[in-house]
Amino acid sequence: MSTKNSDPEVPVRRLDRILAFGALGIAAASVVCFFAIIIGTWLGMGQASFGEGVWPVIAAIPYWGLPVAFLMIIALLTMSFIRKGRASSRS
Protein backbone atom coordinates (compact mmCIF):
# COMPACT_ATOMS: atom_id res chain seq x y z
CA MET A 1 0.00 0.00 0.00
CA SER A 2 1.20 3.42 -0.84
CA THR A 3 1.05 6.29 1.62
CA LYS A 4 1.01 8.75 -1.23
CA ASN A 5 -2.30 10.56 -1.74
CA SER A 6 -3.57 9.66 -5.21
CA ASP A 7 -6.39 12.25 -5.11
CA PRO A 8 -5.01 15.63 -6.21
CA GLU A 9 -5.93 18.69 -4.19
CA VAL A 10 -8.75 20.52 -5.92
CA PRO A 11 -9.63 23.93 -4.47
CA VAL A 12 -13.25 24.67 -3.60
CA ARG A 13 -14.59 27.55 -5.64
CA ARG A 14 -17.04 30.21 -4.54
CA LEU A 15 -19.71 28.89 -6.92
CA ASP A 16 -19.47 25.46 -5.28
CA ARG A 17 -20.08 26.98 -1.87
CA ILE A 18 -23.01 29.05 -3.17
CA LEU A 19 -24.62 25.97 -4.72
CA ALA A 20 -24.04 23.84 -1.63
CA PHE A 21 -25.34 26.31 0.93
CA GLY A 22 -28.14 27.47 -1.37
CA ALA A 23 -29.36 23.91 -1.87
CA LEU A 24 -29.13 23.26 1.86
CA GLY A 25 -31.08 26.42 2.69
CA ILE A 26 -33.79 25.81 0.10
CA ALA A 27 -34.20 22.18 1.15
CA ALA A 28 -34.38 23.14 4.84
CA ALA A 29 -36.97 25.85 4.13
CA SER A 30 -38.99 23.35 2.10
CA VAL A 31 -38.99 20.80 4.92
CA VAL A 32 -39.99 23.45 7.49
CA CYS A 33 -42.85 24.63 5.26
CA PHE A 34 -43.93 21.04 4.66
CA PHE A 35 -44.16 20.46 8.41
CA ALA A 36 -46.02 23.77 8.82
CA ILE A 37 -48.68 22.51 6.40
CA ILE A 38 -48.90 19.18 8.23
CA ILE A 39 -49.26 20.93 11.59
CA GLY A 40 -51.83 23.35 10.19
CA THR A 41 -53.90 20.45 8.86
CA TRP A 42 -53.56 18.63 12.18
CA LEU A 43 -54.83 21.72 14.02
CA GLY A 44 -57.97 21.69 11.92
CA MET A 45 -57.36 24.23 9.18
CA GLY A 46 -59.68 23.61 6.26
CA GLN A 47 -58.98 23.72 2.54
CA ALA A 48 -60.25 27.31 2.32
CA SER A 49 -57.91 28.46 5.09
CA PHE A 50 -54.85 27.36 3.13
CA GLY A 51 -55.86 29.60 0.23
CA GLU A 52 -55.64 32.81 2.26
CA GLY A 53 -52.84 34.95 3.61
CA VAL A 54 -49.31 33.60 3.51
CA TRP A 55 -50.33 29.93 3.14
CA PRO A 56 -50.16 29.82 -0.69
CA VAL A 57 -46.51 30.94 -0.47
CA ILE A 58 -45.81 28.37 2.26
CA ALA A 59 -47.37 25.68 0.06
CA ALA A 60 -45.35 26.77 -2.99
CA ILE A 61 -41.97 26.59 -1.25
CA PRO A 62 -41.89 22.76 -0.93
CA TYR A 63 -43.50 22.39 -4.35
CA TRP A 64 -40.76 24.35 -6.12
CA GLY A 65 -37.97 24.35 -3.54
CA LEU A 66 -37.21 20.64 -3.32
CA PRO A 67 -36.81 20.15 -7.10
CA VAL A 68 -34.65 23.29 -7.32
CA ALA A 69 -32.46 22.09 -4.44
CA PHE A 70 -32.14 18.69 -6.13
CA LEU A 71 -31.07 20.30 -9.41
CA MET A 72 -28.55 22.47 -7.55
CA ILE A 73 -27.02 19.37 -5.93
CA ILE A 74 -26.85 17.59 -9.31
CA ALA A 75 -25.10 20.65 -10.81
CA LEU A 76 -22.68 20.76 -7.88
CA LEU A 77 -21.82 17.07 -8.23
CA THR A 78 -21.39 17.37 -12.00
CA MET A 79 -19.07 20.36 -11.68
CA SER A 80 -17.08 18.61 -8.97
CA PHE A 81 -16.63 15.42 -11.01
CA ILE A 82 -15.57 17.38 -14.09
CA ARG A 83 -13.11 19.48 -12.12
CA LYS A 84 -11.58 16.46 -10.36
CA GLY A 85 -11.32 14.59 -13.66
CA ARG A 86 -9.48 17.47 -15.26
CA ALA A 87 -7.19 17.82 -12.25
CA SER A 88 -6.29 14.12 -12.27
CA SER A 89 -5.58 14.09 -16.01
CA ARG A 90 -3.14 16.99 -15.62
CA SER A 91 -1.03 15.23 -13.02
C-alpha atoms as a PDB file:
ATOM      1  CA  MET A   1       0.000   0.000   0.000  1.00  0.00           C
ATOM      2  CA  SER A   2       1.195   3.421  -0.836  1.00  0.00           C
ATOM      3  CA  THR A   3       1.050   6.293   1.624  1.00  0.00           C
ATOM      4  CA  LYS A   4       1.009   8.745  -1.234  1.00  0.00           C
ATOM      5  CA  ASN A   5      -2.303  10.559  -1.738  1.00  0.00           C
ATOM      6  CA  SER A   6      -3.568   9.664  -5.214  1.00  0.00           C
ATOM      7  CA  ASP A   7      -6.389  12.254  -5.112  1.00  0.00           C
ATOM      8  CA  PRO A   8      -5.014  15.631  -6.209  1.00  0.00           C
ATOM      9  CA  GLU A   9      -5.932  18.687  -4.190  1.00  0.00           C
ATOM     10  CA  VAL A  10      -8.749  20.523  -5.918  1.00  0.00           C
ATOM     11  CA  PRO A  11      -9.632  23.928  -4.471  1.00  0.00           C
ATOM     12  CA  VAL A  12     -13.249  24.668  -3.601  1.00  0.00           C
ATOM     13  CA  ARG A  13     -14.586  27.547  -5.639  1.00  0.00           C
ATOM     14  CA  ARG A  14     -17.045  30.214  -4.544  1.00  0.00           C
ATOM     15  CA  LEU A  15     -19.707  28.891  -6.924  1.00  0.00           C
ATOM     16  CA  ASP A  16     -19.466  25.462  -5.282  1.00  0.00           C
ATOM     17  CA  ARG A  17     -20.083  26.983  -1.868  1.00  0.00           C
ATOM     18  CA  ILE A  18     -23.007  29.051  -3.170  1.00  0.00           C
ATOM     19  CA  LEU A  19     -24.615  25.967  -4.720  1.00  0.00           C
ATOM     20  CA  ALA A  20     -24.036  23.839  -1.628  1.00  0.00           C
ATOM     21  CA  PHE A  21     -25.342  26.313   0.932  1.00  0.00           C
ATOM     22  CA  GLY A  22     -28.143  27.469  -1.368  1.00  0.00           C
ATOM     23  CA  ALA A  23     -29.355  23.909  -1.872  1.00  0.00           C
ATOM     24  CA  LEU A  24     -29.132  23.261   1.856  1.00  0.00           C
ATOM     25  CA  GLY A  25     -31.077  26.421   2.690  1.00  0.00           C
ATOM     26  CA  ILE A  26     -33.788  25.812   0.105  1.00  0.00           C
ATOM     27  CA  ALA A  27     -34.202  22.177   1.151  1.00  0.00           C
ATOM     28  CA  ALA A  28     -34.376  23.144   4.844  1.00  0.00           C
ATOM     29  CA  ALA A  29     -36.974  25.849   4.133  1.00  0.00           C
ATOM     30  CA  SER A  30     -38.992  23.350   2.102  1.00  0.00           C
ATOM     31  CA  VAL A  31     -38.992  20.801   4.924  1.00  0.00           C
ATOM     32  CA  VAL A  32     -39.990  23.446   7.486  1.00  0.00           C
ATOM     33  CA  CYS A  33     -42.855  24.631   5.261  1.00  0.00           C
ATOM     34  CA  PHE A  34     -43.928  21.044   4.663  1.00  0.00           C
ATOM     35  CA  PHE A  35     -44.164  20.460   8.411  1.00  0.00           C
ATOM     36  CA  ALA A  36     -46.023  23.767   8.824  1.00  0.00           C
ATOM     37  CA  ILE A  37     -48.676  22.505   6.399  1.00  0.00           C
ATOM     38  CA  ILE A  38     -48.901  19.180   8.233  1.00  0.00           C
ATOM     39  CA  ILE A  39     -49.259  20.932  11.593  1.00  0.00           C
ATOM     40  CA  GLY A  40     -51.835  23.351  10.187  1.00  0.00           C
ATOM     41  CA  THR A  41     -53.897  20.455   8.862  1.00  0.00           C
ATOM     42  CA  TRP A  42     -53.561  18.631  12.176  1.00  0.00           C
ATOM     43  CA  LEU A  43     -54.825  21.719  14.017  1.00  0.00           C
ATOM     44  CA  GLY A  44     -57.973  21.694  11.918  1.00  0.00           C
ATOM     45  CA  MET A  45     -57.356  24.229   9.177  1.00  0.00           C
ATOM     46  CA  GLY A  46     -59.675  23.614   6.265  1.00  0.00           C
ATOM     47  CA  GLN A  47     -58.983  23.717   2.540  1.00  0.00           C
ATOM     48  CA  ALA A  48     -60.253  27.306   2.318  1.00  0.00           C
ATOM     49  CA  SER A  49     -57.907  28.461   5.090  1.00  0.00           C
ATOM     50  CA  PHE A  50     -54.849  27.360   3.131  1.00  0.00           C
ATOM     51  CA  GLY A  51     -55.858  29.595   0.227  1.00  0.00           C
ATOM     52  CA  GLU A  52     -55.637  32.806   2.259  1.00  0.00           C
ATOM     53  CA  GLY A  53     -52.843  34.950   3.608  1.00  0.00           C
ATOM     54  CA  VAL A  54     -49.314  33.596   3.514  1.00  0.00           C
ATOM     55  CA  TRP A  55     -50.328  29.933   3.140  1.00  0.00           C
ATOM     56  CA  PRO A  56     -50.160  29.825  -0.688  1.00  0.00           C
ATOM     57  CA  VAL A  57     -46.511  30.940  -0.466  1.00  0.00           C
ATOM     58  CA  ILE A  58     -45.810  28.370   2.260  1.00  0.00           C
ATOM     59  CA  ALA A  59     -47.372  25.682   0.063  1.00  0.00           C
ATOM     60  CA  ALA A  60     -45.349  26.768  -2.990  1.00  0.00           C
ATOM     61  CA  ILE A  61     -41.973  26.593  -1.253  1.00  0.00           C
ATOM     62  CA  PRO A  62     -41.888  22.763  -0.933  1.00  0.00           C
ATOM     63  CA  TYR A  63     -43.500  22.390  -4.350  1.00  0.00           C
ATOM     64  CA  TRP A  64     -40.761  24.355  -6.118  1.00  0.00           C
ATOM     65  CA  GLY A  65     -37.966  24.354  -3.540  1.00  0.00           C
ATOM     66  CA  LEU A  66     -37.212  20.641  -3.325  1.00  0.00           C
ATOM     67  CA  PRO A  67     -36.807  20.154  -7.095  1.00  0.00           C
ATOM     68  CA  VAL A  68     -34.653  23.295  -7.325  1.00  0.00           C
ATOM     69  CA  ALA A  69     -32.461  22.089  -4.442  1.00  0.00           C
ATOM     70  CA  PHE A  70     -32.140  18.691  -6.125  1.00  0.00           C
ATOM     71  CA  LEU A  71     -31.069  20.303  -9.409  1.00  0.00           C
ATOM     72  CA  MET A  72     -28.546  22.469  -7.547  1.00  0.00           C
ATOM     73  CA  ILE A  73     -27.024  19.371  -5.931  1.00  0.00           C
ATOM     74  CA  ILE A  74     -26.849  17.595  -9.307  1.00  0.00           C
ATOM     75  CA  ALA A  75     -25.104  20.655 -10.808  1.00  0.00           C
ATOM     76  CA  LEU A  76     -22.684  20.761  -7.883  1.00  0.00           C
ATOM     77  CA  LEU A  77     -21.817  17.074  -8.234  1.00  0.00           C
ATOM     78  CA  THR A  78     -21.387  17.369 -12.002  1.00  0.00           C
ATOM     79  CA  MET A  79     -19.073  20.365 -11.678  1.00  0.00           C
ATOM     80  CA  SER A  80     -17.084  18.606  -8.970  1.00  0.00           C
ATOM     81  CA  PHE A  81     -16.625  15.423 -11.012  1.00  0.00           C
ATOM     82  CA  ILE A  82     -15.568  17.375 -14.092  1.00  0.00           C
ATOM     83  CA  ARG A  83     -13.108  19.483 -12.120  1.00  0.00           C
ATOM     84  CA  LYS A  84     -11.582  16.460 -10.359  1.00  0.00           C
ATOM     85  CA  GLY A  85     -11.324  14.589 -13.663  1.00  0.00           C
ATOM     86  CA  ARG A  86      -9.484  17.473 -15.259  1.00  0.00           C
ATOM     87  CA  ALA A  87      -7.188  17.823 -12.252  1.00  0.00           C
ATOM     88  CA  SER A  88      -6.291  14.116 -12.266  1.00  0.00           C
ATOM     89  CA  SER A  89      -5.585  14.090 -16.011  1.00  0.00           C
ATOM     90  CA  ARG A  90      -3.135  16.991 -15.620  1.00  0.00           C
ATOM     91  CA  SER A  91      -1.034  15.227 -13.016  1.00  0.00           C
END
